[in-house]
Amino acid sequence: FKKVDYSNNINPNWSVNVRALGSSNSKSGPQSKESKDFIRPKLVTVIRSGVKPRKAVRILLNKKTAHSFEQVLTDITDAIKLDSGVVKRIYTLEGKQ
């Protein structure tokens, strides 16, 4: 094993607040692509339409589970177990599609 003195390391790679030496603040190049690839996970509550009591299901949407809108619809269909087929449309609480 090699003894490492972490106090002498000026710019650790794992630090969130410190940038690497070669990074720049410009929005062009691979830096902007990396920022677009990062998607924050969202917890979405899906409420089934119909007569009460309505079943509410919470679904986690992140980069791994939500590659496309069709995959999100499939995951929602699997989670709420519809009798009538598949989920085709999703609406907000305000009624927007």
PDB file of N, CA and C in Angstrom:
ATOM      1  N   PHE A   1       0.830  -1.185   0.000  1.00  0.00           N
ATOM      2  CA  PHE A   1       0.000   0.000   0.000  1.00  0.00           C
ATOM      3  C   PHE A   1       0.873   1.246   0.000  1.00  0.00           C
ATOM      4  N   LYS A   2       0.375   2.277  -0.618  1.00  0.00           N
ATOM      5  CA  LYS A   2       1.103   3.534  -0.714  1.00  0.00           C
ATOM      6  C   LYS A   2       0.426   4.555   0.189  1.00  0.00           C
ATOM      7  N   LYS A   3       1.203   5.209   1.025  1.00  0.00           N
ATOM      8  CA  LYS A   3       0.655   6.226   1.910  1.00  0.00           C
ATOM      9  C   LYS A   3       0.434   7.512   1.117  1.00  0.00           C
ATOM     10  N   VAL A   4      -0.766   8.072   1.204  1.00  0.00           N
ATOM     11  CA  VAL A   4      -1.125   9.279   0.473  1.00  0.00           C
ATOM     12  C   VAL A   4      -1.432  10.381   1.474  1.00  0.00           C
ATOM     13  N   ASP A   5      -0.813  11.540   1.270  1.00  0.00           N
ATOM     14  CA  ASP A   5      -1.066  12.690   2.128  1.00  0.00           C
ATOM     15  C   ASP A   5      -2.093  13.584   1.427  1.00  0.00           C
ATOM     16  N   TYR A   6      -3.340  13.503   1.833  1.00  0.00           N
ATOM     17  CA  TYR A   6      -4.426  14.231   1.181  1.00  0.00           C
ATOM     18  C   TYR A   6      -4.380  15.735   1.452  1.00  0.00           C
ATOM     19  N   SER A   7      -3.725  16.145   2.506  1.00  0.00           N
ATOM     20  CA  SER A   7      -3.669  17.581   2.802  1.00  0.00           C
ATOM     21  C   SER A   7      -2.772  18.332   1.821  1.00  0.00           C
ATOM     22  N   ASN A   8      -1.849  17.648   1.164  1.00  0.00           N
ATOM     23  CA  ASN A   8      -0.974  18.299   0.188  1.00  0.00           C
ATOM     24  C   ASN A   8      -1.603  18.375  -1.196  1.00  0.00           C
ATOM     25  N   ASN A   9      -2.672  17.692  -1.419  1.00  0.00           N
ATOM     26  CA  ASN A   9      -3.326  17.706  -2.727  1.00  0.00           C
ATOM     27  C   ASN A   9      -4.129  18.999  -2.859  1.00  0.00           C
ATOM     28  N   ILE A  10      -3.697  19.879  -3.750  1.00  0.00           N
ATOM     29  CA  ILE A  10      -4.324  21.194  -3.905  1.00  0.00           C
ATOM     30  C   ILE A  10      -5.663  21.092  -4.610  1.00  0.00           C
ATOM     31  N   ASN A  11      -5.743  20.273  -5.636  1.00  0.00           N
ATOM     32  CA  ASN A  11      -6.940  20.207  -6.477  1.00  0.00           C
ATOM     33  C   ASN A  11      -7.435  18.763  -6.566  1.00  0.00           C
ATOM     34  N   PRO A  12      -8.141  18.266  -5.562  1.00  0.00           N
ATOM     35  CA  PRO A  12      -8.614  16.881  -5.634  1.00  0.00           C
ATOM     36  C   PRO A  12      -9.689  16.720  -6.703  1.00  0.00           C
ATOM     37  N   ASN A  13      -9.687  15.579  -7.373  1.00  0.00           N
ATOM     38  CA  ASN A  13     -10.625  15.335  -8.466  1.00  0.00           C
ATOM     39  C   ASN A  13     -12.050  15.133  -7.978  1.00  0.00           C
ATOM     40  N   TRP A  14     -12.233  14.655  -6.776  1.00  0.00           N
ATOM     41  CA  TRP A  14     -13.570  14.339  -6.303  1.00  0.00           C
ATOM     42  C   TRP A  14     -14.296  15.534  -5.699  1.00  0.00           C
ATOM     43  N   SER A  15     -13.637  16.649  -5.554  1.00  0.00           N
ATOM     44  CA  SER A  15     -14.256  17.827  -4.966  1.00  0.00           C
ATOM     45  C   SER A  15     -15.272  18.433  -5.928  1.00  0.00           C
ATOM     46  N   VAL A  16     -16.475  18.688  -5.460  1.00  0.00           N
ATOM     47  CA  VAL A  16     -17.544  19.228  -6.288  1.00  0.00           C
ATOM     48  C   VAL A  16     -17.314  20.698  -6.589  1.00  0.00           C
ATOM     49  N   ASN A  17     -16.787  21.438  -5.637  1.00  0.00           N
ATOM     50  CA  ASN A  17     -16.655  22.883  -5.781  1.00  0.00           C
ATOM     51  C   ASN A  17     -15.400  23.323  -6.521  1.00  0.00           C
ATOM     52  N   VAL A  18     -14.442  22.432  -6.710  1.00  0.00           N
ATOM     53  CA  VAL A  18     -13.179  22.787  -7.344  1.00  0.00           C
ATOM     54  C   VAL A  18     -13.149  22.191  -8.739  1.00  0.00           C
ATOM     55  N   ARG A  19     -12.829  23.019  -9.747  1.00  0.00           N
ATOM     56  CA  ARG A  19     -12.754  22.548 -11.130  1.00  0.00           C
ATOM     57  C   ARG A  19     -11.366  21.966 -11.405  1.00  0.00           C
ATOM     58  N   ALA A  20     -11.306  21.087 -12.389  1.00  0.00           N
ATOM     59  CA  ALA A  20     -10.027  20.528 -12.814  1.00  0.00           C
ATOM     60  C   ALA A  20      -9.202  21.620 -13.479  1.00  0.00           C
ATOM     61  N   LEU A  21      -7.902  21.420 -13.563  1.00  0.00           N
ATOM     62  CA  LEU A  21      -7.020  22.444 -14.109  1.00  0.00           C
ATOM     63  C   LEU A  21      -7.297  22.721 -15.576  1.00  0.00           C
ATOM     64  N   GLY A  22      -7.671  21.721 -16.369  1.00  0.00           N
ATOM     65  CA  GLY A  22      -7.868  21.901 -17.797  1.00  0.00           C
ATOM     66  C   GLY A  22      -9.258  22.342 -18.179  1.00  0.00           C
ATOM     67  N   SER A  23     -10.160  22.519 -17.249  1.00  0.00           N
ATOM     68  CA  SER A  23     -11.534  22.861 -17.615  1.00  0.00           C
ATOM     69  C   SER A  23     -11.662  24.354 -17.858  1.00  0.00           C
ATOM     70  N   SER A  24     -12.604  24.693 -18.729  1.00  0.00           N
ATOM     71  CA  SER A  24     -12.847  26.101 -19.033  1.00  0.00           C
ATOM     72  C   SER A  24     -14.311  26.417 -18.797  1.00  0.00           C
ATOM     73  N   ASN A  25     -14.652  27.700 -18.793  1.00  0.00           N
ATOM     74  CA  ASN A  25     -16.017  28.132 -18.546  1.00  0.00           C
ATOM     75  C   ASN A  25     -16.817  28.306 -19.815  1.00  0.00           C
ATOM     76  N   SER A  26     -16.245  28.015 -20.984  1.00  0.00           N
ATOM     77  CA  SER A  26     -16.971  28.209 -22.236  1.00  0.00           C
ATOM     78  C   SER A  26     -18.033  27.138 -22.404  1.00  0.00           C
ATOM     79  N   LYS A  27     -19.088  27.469 -23.154  1.00  0.00           N
ATOM     80  CA  LYS A  27     -20.203  26.551 -23.351  1.00  0.00           C
ATOM     81  C   LYS A  27     -20.035  25.686 -24.597  1.00  0.00           C
ATOM     82  N   SER A  28     -18.931  25.818 -25.325  1.00  0.00           N
ATOM     83  CA  SER A  28     -18.744  25.029 -26.528  1.00  0.00           C
ATOM     84  C   SER A  28     -17.889  23.814 -26.229  1.00  0.00           C
ATOM     85  N   GLY A  29     -17.977  22.820 -27.110  1.00  0.00           N
ATOM     86  CA  GLY A  29     -17.151  21.639 -26.975  1.00  0.00           C
ATOM     87  C   GLY A  29     -17.793  20.582 -26.105  1.00  0.00           C
ATOM     88  N   PRO A  30     -16.974  19.645 -25.621  1.00  0.00           N
ATOM     89  CA  PRO A  30     -17.511  18.519 -24.853  1.00  0.00           C
ATOM     90  C   PRO A  30     -18.037  18.907 -23.483  1.00  0.00           C
ATOM     91  N   GLN A  31     -17.646  20.070 -22.949  1.00  0.00           N
ATOM     92  CA  GLN A  31     -18.124  20.480 -21.632  1.00  0.00           C
ATOM     93  C   GLN A  31     -19.634  20.664 -21.621  1.00  0.00           C
ATOM     94  N   SER A  32     -20.188  21.287 -22.674  1.00  0.00           N
ATOM     95  CA  SER A  32     -21.623  21.521 -22.710  1.00  0.00           C
ATOM     96  C   SER A  32     -22.381  20.217 -22.898  1.00  0.00           C
ATOM     97  N   LYS A  33     -21.805  19.244 -23.598  1.00  0.00           N
ATOM     98  CA  LYS A  33     -22.463  17.953 -23.790  1.00  0.00           C
ATOM     99  C   LYS A  33     -22.569  17.210 -22.463  1.00  0.00           C
ATOM    100  N   GLU A  34     -21.528  17.294 -21.634  1.00  0.00           N
ATOM    101  CA  GLU A  34     -21.567  16.630 -20.341  1.00  0.00           C
ATOM    102  C   GLU A  34     -22.648  17.225 -19.452  1.00  0.00           C
ATOM    103  N   SER A  35     -22.838  18.536 -19.500  1.00  0.00           N
ATOM    104  CA  SER A  35     -23.858  19.153 -18.664  1.00  0.00           C
ATOM    105  C   SER A  35     -25.257  18.778 -19.134  1.00  0.00           C
ATOM    106  N   LYS A  36     -25.443  18.557 -20.445  1.00  0.00           N
ATOM    107  CA  LYS A  36     -26.746  18.154 -20.954  1.00  0.00           C
ATOM    108  C   LYS A  36     -27.035  16.690 -20.655  1.00  0.00           C
ATOM    109  N   ASP A  37     -25.983  15.862 -20.532  1.00  0.00           N
ATOM    110  CA  ASP A  37     -26.182  14.450 -20.248  1.00  0.00           C
ATOM    111  C   ASP A  37     -26.645  14.219 -18.818  1.00  0.00           C
ATOM    112  N   PHE A  38     -26.372  15.157 -17.928  1.00  0.00           N
ATOM    113  CA  PHE A  38     -26.773  14.991 -16.541  1.00  0.00           C
ATOM    114  C   PHE A  38     -28.242  15.357 -16.394  1.00  0.00           C
ATOM    115  N   ILE A  39     -29.035  14.401 -15.981  1.00  0.00           N
ATOM    116  CA  ILE A  39     -30.463  14.614 -15.782  1.00  0.00           C
ATOM    117  C   ILE A  39     -30.756  14.350 -14.314  1.00  0.00           C
ATOM    118  N   ARG A  40     -31.386  15.307 -13.673  1.00  0.00           N
ATOM    119  CA  ARG A  40     -31.735  15.117 -12.269  1.00  0.00           C
ATOM    120  C   ARG A  40     -32.884  14.132 -12.150  1.00  0.00           C
ATOM    121  N   PRO A  41     -32.795  13.203 -11.214  1.00  0.00           N
ATOM    122  CA  PRO A  41     -33.898  12.267 -11.011  1.00  0.00           C
ATOM    123  C   PRO A  41     -35.144  12.993 -10.519  1.00  0.00           C
ATOM    124  N   LYS A  42     -36.289  12.569 -11.001  1.00  0.00           N
ATOM    125  CA  LYS A  42     -37.568  13.155 -10.608  1.00  0.00           C
ATOM    126  C   LYS A  42     -38.478  12.046 -10.106  1.00  0.00           C
ATOM    127  N   LEU A  43     -39.200  12.346  -9.049  1.00  0.00           N
ATOM    128  CA  LEU A  43     -40.209  11.441  -8.539  1.00  0.00           C
ATOM    129  C   LEU A  43     -41.553  11.969  -9.006  1.00  0.00           C
ATOM    130  N   VAL A  44     -42.214  11.216  -9.875  1.00  0.00           N
ATOM    131  CA  VAL A  44     -43.465  11.644 -10.492  1.00  0.00           C
ATOM    132  C   VAL A  44     -44.600  10.832  -9.892  1.00  0.00           C
ATOM    133  N   THR A  45     -45.674  11.512  -9.511  1.00  0.00           N
ATOM    134  CA  THR A  45     -46.860  10.834  -9.001  1.00  0.00           C
ATOM    135  C   THR A  45     -47.876  10.728 -10.119  1.00  0.00           C
ATOM    136  N   VAL A  46     -48.285   9.502 -10.420  1.00  0.00           N
ATOM    137  CA  VAL A  46     -49.263   9.243 -11.473  1.00  0.00           C
ATOM    138  C   VAL A  46     -50.562   8.835 -10.802  1.00  0.00           C
ATOM    139  N   ILE A  47     -51.649   9.542 -11.134  1.00  0.00           N
ATOM    140  CA  ILE A  47     -52.966   9.242 -10.578  1.00  0.00           C
ATOM    141  C   ILE A  47     -53.837   8.728 -11.704  1.00  0.00           C
ATOM    142  N   ARG A  48     -54.363   7.561 -11.513  1.00  0.00           N
ATOM    143  CA  ARG A  48     -55.189   6.922 -12.521  1.00  0.00           C
ATOM    144  C   ARG A  48     -56.535   7.628 -12.619  1.00  0.00           C
ATOM    145  N   SER A  49     -56.999   7.855 -13.843  1.00  0.00           N
ATOM    146  CA  SER A  49     -58.307   8.489 -14.016  1.00  0.00           C
ATOM    147  C   SER A  49     -59.409   7.458 -13.795  1.00  0.00           C
ATOM    148  N   GLY A  50     -60.606   7.952 -13.541  1.00  0.00           N
ATOM    149  CA  GLY A  50     -61.735   7.055 -13.332  1.00  0.00           C
ATOM    150  C   GLY A  50     -62.445   7.353 -12.031  1.00  0.00           C
ATOM    151  N   VAL A  51     -63.242   6.370 -11.598  1.00  0.00           N
ATOM    152  CA  VAL A  51     -64.039   6.552 -10.387  1.00  0.00           C
ATOM    153  C   VAL A  51     -63.146   6.443  -9.155  1.00  0.00           C
ATOM    154  N   LYS A  52     -63.589   7.091  -8.091  1.00  0.00           N
ATOM    155  CA  LYS A  52     -62.841   7.060  -6.841  1.00  0.00           C
ATOM    156  C   LYS A  52     -63.061   5.720  -6.160  1.00  0.00           C
ATOM    157  N   PRO A  53     -62.186   5.201  -5.390  1.00  0.00           N
ATOM    158  CA  PRO A  53     -60.865   5.699  -5.028  1.00  0.00           C
ATOM    159  C   PRO A  53     -59.868   5.491  -6.164  1.00  0.00           C
ATOM    160  N   ARG A  54     -59.128   6.537  -6.469  1.00  0.00           N
ATOM    161  CA  ARG A  54     -58.131   6.470  -7.533  1.00  0.00           C
ATOM    162  C   ARG A  54     -56.798   6.012  -6.957  1.00  0.00           C
ATOM    163  N   LYS A  55     -56.118   5.201  -7.716  1.00  0.00           N
ATOM    164  CA  LYS A  55     -54.835   4.683  -7.279  1.00  0.00           C
ATOM    165  C   LYS A  55     -53.730   5.649  -7.704  1.00  0.00           C
ATOM    166  N   ALA A  56     -52.898   6.070  -6.766  1.00  0.00           N
ATOM    167  CA  ALA A  56     -51.765   6.947  -7.059  1.00  0.00           C
ATOM    168  C   ALA A  56     -50.479   6.132  -6.936  1.00  0.00           C
ATOM    169  N   VAL A  57     -49.623   6.253  -7.939  1.00  0.00           N
ATOM    170  CA  VAL A  57     -48.365   5.522  -7.969  1.00  0.00           C
ATOM    171  C   VAL A  57     -47.234   6.523  -8.165  1.00  0.00           C
ATOM    172  N   ARG A  58     -46.159   6.360  -7.417  1.00  0.00           N
ATOM    173  CA  ARG A  58     -44.981   7.217  -7.586  1.00  0.00           C
ATOM    174  C   ARG A  58     -43.945   6.456  -8.403  1.00  0.00           C
ATOM    175  N   ILE A  59     -43.420   7.141  -9.424  1.00  0.00           N
ATOM    176  CA  ILE A  59     -42.456   6.522 -10.328  1.00  0.00           C
ATOM    177  C   ILE A  59     -41.206   7.392 -10.369  1.00  0.00           C
ATOM    178  N   LEU A  60     -40.044   6.754 -10.285  1.00  0.00           N
ATOM    179  CA  LEU A  60     -38.779   7.468 -10.377  1.00  0.00           C
ATOM    180  C   LEU A  60     -38.363   7.559 -11.838  1.00  0.00           C
ATOM    181  N   LEU A  61     -38.147   8.778 -12.302  1.00  0.00           N
ATOM    182  CA  LEU A  61     -37.651   9.004 -13.657  1.00  0.00           C
ATOM    183  C   LEU A  61     -36.234   9.547 -13.557  1.00  0.00           C
ATOM    184  N   ASN A  62     -35.298   8.828 -14.139  1.00  0.00           N
ATOM    185  CA  ASN A  62     -33.918   9.292 -14.190  1.00  0.00           C
ATOM    186  C   ASN A  62     -33.314   8.891 -15.528  1.00  0.00           C
ATOM    187  N   LYS A  63     -32.042   9.111 -15.688  1.00  0.00           N
ATOM    188  CA  LYS A  63     -31.381   8.852 -16.963  1.00  0.00           C
ATOM    189  C   LYS A  63     -31.449   7.375 -17.336  1.00  0.00           C
ATOM    190  N   LYS A  64     -31.429   6.500 -16.342  1.00  0.00           N
ATOM    191  CA  LYS A  64     -31.435   5.069 -16.612  1.00  0.00           C
ATOM    192  C   LYS A  64     -32.831   4.568 -16.982  1.00  0.00           C
ATOM    193  N   THR A  65     -33.869   5.115 -16.360  1.00  0.00           N
ATOM    194  CA  THR A  65     -35.221   4.594 -16.574  1.00  0.00           C
ATOM    195  C   THR A  65     -36.004   5.326 -17.641  1.00  0.00           C
ATOM    196  N   ALA A  66     -35.580   6.506 -18.045  1.00  0.00           N
ATOM    197  CA  ALA A  66     -36.366   7.299 -18.997  1.00  0.00           C
ATOM    198  C   ALA A  66     -35.542   7.655 -20.224  1.00  0.00           C
ATOM    199  N   HIS A  67     -35.297   6.671 -21.080  1.00  0.00           N
ATOM    200  CA  HIS A  67     -34.552   6.940 -22.308  1.00  0.00           C
ATOM    201  C   HIS A  67     -35.423   7.631 -23.341  1.00  0.00           C
ATOM    202  N   SER A  68     -36.702   7.300 -23.372  1.00  0.00           N
ATOM    203  CA  SER A  68     -37.608   7.911 -24.346  1.00  0.00           C
ATOM    204  C   SER A  68     -38.984   8.061 -23.704  1.00  0.00           C
ATOM    205  N   PHE A  69     -39.836   8.843 -24.368  1.00  0.00           N
ATOM    206  CA  PHE A  69     -41.187   9.049 -23.857  1.00  0.00           C
ATOM    207  C   PHE A  69     -41.988   7.746 -23.911  1.00  0.00           C
ATOM    208  N   GLU A  70     -41.752   6.937 -24.942  1.00  0.00           N
ATOM    209  CA  GLU A  70     -42.447   5.651 -25.055  1.00  0.00           C
ATOM    210  C   GLU A  70     -42.072   4.724 -23.901  1.00  0.00           C
ATOM    211  N   GLN A  71     -40.804   4.753 -23.495  1.00  0.00           N
ATOM    212  CA  GLN A  71     -40.382   3.929 -22.371  1.00  0.00           C
ATOM    213  C   GLN A  71     -41.029   4.409 -21.069  1.00  0.00           C
ATOM    214  N   VAL A  72     -41.188   5.715 -20.915  1.00  0.00           N
ATOM    215  CA  VAL A  72     -41.859   6.256 -19.732  1.00  0.00           C
ATOM    216  C   VAL A  72     -43.309   5.789 -19.706  1.00  0.00           C
ATOM    217  N   LEU A  73     -43.993   5.847 -20.854  1.00  0.00           N
ATOM    218  CA  LEU A  73     -45.383   5.376 -20.922  1.00  0.00           C
ATOM    219  C   LEU A  73     -45.476   3.889 -20.591  1.00  0.00           C
ATOM    220  N   THR A  74     -44.532   3.097 -21.069  1.00  0.00           N
ATOM    221  CA  THR A  74     -44.521   1.664 -20.765  1.00  0.00           C
ATOM    222  C   THR A  74     -44.308   1.426 -19.277  1.00  0.00           C
ATOM    223  N   ASP A  75     -43.394   2.174 -18.666  1.00  0.00           N
ATOM    224  CA  ASP A  75     -43.153   2.031 -17.226  1.00  0.00           C
ATOM    225  C   ASP A  75     -44.383   2.415 -16.412  1.00  0.00           C
ATOM    226  N   ILE A  76     -45.091   3.458 -16.837  1.00  0.00           N
ATOM    227  CA  ILE A  76     -46.314   3.870 -16.143  1.00  0.00           C
ATOM    228  C   ILE A  76     -47.386   2.797 -16.286  1.00  0.00           C
ATOM    229  N   THR A  77     -47.516   2.226 -17.483  1.00  0.00           N
ATOM    230  CA  THR A  77     -48.494   1.156 -17.711  1.00  0.00           C
ATOM    231  C   THR A  77     -48.208  -0.032 -16.803  1.00  0.00           C
ATOM    232  N   ASP A  78     -46.936  -0.406 -16.682  1.00  0.00           N
ATOM    233  CA  ASP A  78     -46.568  -1.526 -15.817  1.00  0.00           C
ATOM    234  C   ASP A  78     -46.822  -1.212 -14.345  1.00  0.00           C
ATOM    235  N   ALA A  79     -46.623   0.034 -13.956  1.00  0.00           N
ATOM    236  CA  ALA A  79     -46.768   0.401 -12.545  1.00  0.00           C
ATOM    237  C   ALA A  79     -48.224   0.457 -12.099  1.00  0.00           C
ATOM    238  N   ILE A  80     -49.124   0.984 -12.950  1.00  0.00           N
ATOM    239  CA  ILE A  80     -50.507   1.137 -12.501  1.00  0.00           C
ATOM    240  C   ILE A  80     -51.406  -0.016 -12.912  1.00  0.00           C
ATOM    241  N   LYS A  81     -50.886  -0.940 -13.725  1.00  0.00           N
ATOM    242  CA  LYS A  81     -51.602  -2.176 -14.075  1.00  0.00           C
ATOM    243  C   LYS A  81     -53.006  -1.899 -14.609  1.00  0.00           C
ATOM    244  N   LEU A  82     -53.070  -1.278 -15.766  1.00  0.00           N
ATOM    245  CA  LEU A  82     -54.357  -0.970 -16.388  1.00  0.00           C
ATOM    246  C   LEU A  82     -55.041  -2.226 -16.909  1.00  0.00           C
ATOM    247  N   ASP A  83     -56.362  -2.261 -16.787  1.00  0.00           N
ATOM    248  CA  ASP A  83     -57.147  -3.363 -17.334  1.00  0.00           C
ATOM    249  C   ASP A  83     -57.445  -3.132 -18.814  1.00  0.00           C
ATOM    250  N   SER A  84     -57.500  -1.872 -19.214  1.00  0.00           N
ATOM    251  CA  SER A  84     -57.975  -1.528 -20.552  1.00  0.00           C
ATOM    252  C   SER A  84     -56.876  -1.438 -21.605  1.00  0.00           C
ATOM    253  N   GLY A  85     -55.644  -1.719 -21.282  1.00  0.00           N
ATOM    254  CA  GLY A  85     -54.585  -1.639 -22.276  1.00  0.00           C
ATOM    255  C   GLY A  85     -53.410  -0.824 -21.792  1.00  0.00           C
ATOM    256  N   VAL A  86     -52.893   0.026 -22.683  1.00  0.00           N
ATOM    257  CA  VAL A  86     -51.688   0.785 -22.374  1.00  0.00           C
ATOM    258  C   VAL A  86     -52.005   2.261 -22.159  1.00  0.00           C
ATOM    259  N   VAL A  87     -51.089   2.956 -21.494  1.00  0.00           N
ATOM    260  CA  VAL A  87     -51.198   4.402 -21.312  1.00  0.00           C
ATOM    261  C   VAL A  87     -50.815   5.065 -22.625  1.00  0.00           C
ATOM    262  N   LYS A  88     -51.680   5.952 -23.119  1.00  0.00           N
ATOM    263  CA  LYS A  88     -51.423   6.643 -24.387  1.00  0.00           C
ATOM    264  C   LYS A  88     -51.141   8.117 -24.186  1.00  0.00           C
ATOM    265  N   ARG A  89     -51.738   8.719 -23.156  1.00  0.00           N
ATOM    266  CA  ARG A  89     -51.584  10.151 -22.898  1.00  0.00           C
ATOM    267  C   ARG A  89     -51.375  10.393 -21.414  1.00  0.00           C
ATOM    268  N   ILE A  90     -50.670  11.470 -21.132  1.00  0.00           N
ATOM    269  CA  ILE A  90     -50.443  11.892 -19.749  1.00  0.00           C
ATOM    270  C   ILE A  90     -50.850  13.349 -19.649  1.00  0.00           C
ATOM    271  N   TYR A  91     -51.556  13.698 -18.572  1.00  0.00           N
ATOM    272  CA  TYR A  91     -52.012  15.071 -18.347  1.00  0.00           C
ATOM    273  C   TYR A  91     -51.461  15.583 -17.029  1.00  0.00           C
ATOM    274  N   THR A  92     -51.254  16.896 -16.953  1.00  0.00           N
ATOM    275  CA  THR A  92     -50.881  17.524 -15.693  1.00  0.00           C
ATOM    276  C   THR A  92     -52.142  17.712 -14.855  1.00  0.00           C
ATOM    277  N   LEU A  93     -51.970  18.195 -13.637  1.00  0.00           N
ATOM    278  CA  LEU A  93     -53.131  18.461 -12.793  1.00  0.00           C
ATOM    279  C   LEU A  93     -53.994  19.579 -13.353  1.00  0.00           C
ATOM    280  N   GLU A  94     -53.383  20.476 -14.135  1.00  0.00           N
ATOM    281  CA  GLU A  94     -54.134  21.568 -14.754  1.00  0.00           C
ATOM    282  C   GLU A  94     -54.860  21.124 -16.020  1.00  0.00           C
ATOM    283  N   GLY A  95     -54.636  19.917 -16.472  1.00  0.00           N
ATOM    284  CA  GLY A  95     -55.313  19.406 -17.657  1.00  0.00           C
ATOM    285  C   GLY A  95     -54.519  19.524 -18.942  1.00  0.00           C
ATOM    286  N   LYS A  96     -53.270  19.947 -18.859  1.00  0.00           N
ATOM    287  CA  LYS A  96     -52.439  20.059 -20.057  1.00  0.00           C
ATOM    288  C   LYS A  96     -51.855  18.698 -20.397  1.00  0.00           C
ATOM    289  N   GLN A  97     -51.813  18.413 -21.695  1.00  0.00           N
ATOM    290  CA  GLN A  97     -51.297  17.115 -22.134  1.00  0.00           C
ATOM    291  C   GLN A  97     -49.802  17.157 -22.273  1.00  0.00           C
TER     292      GLN A  97
END
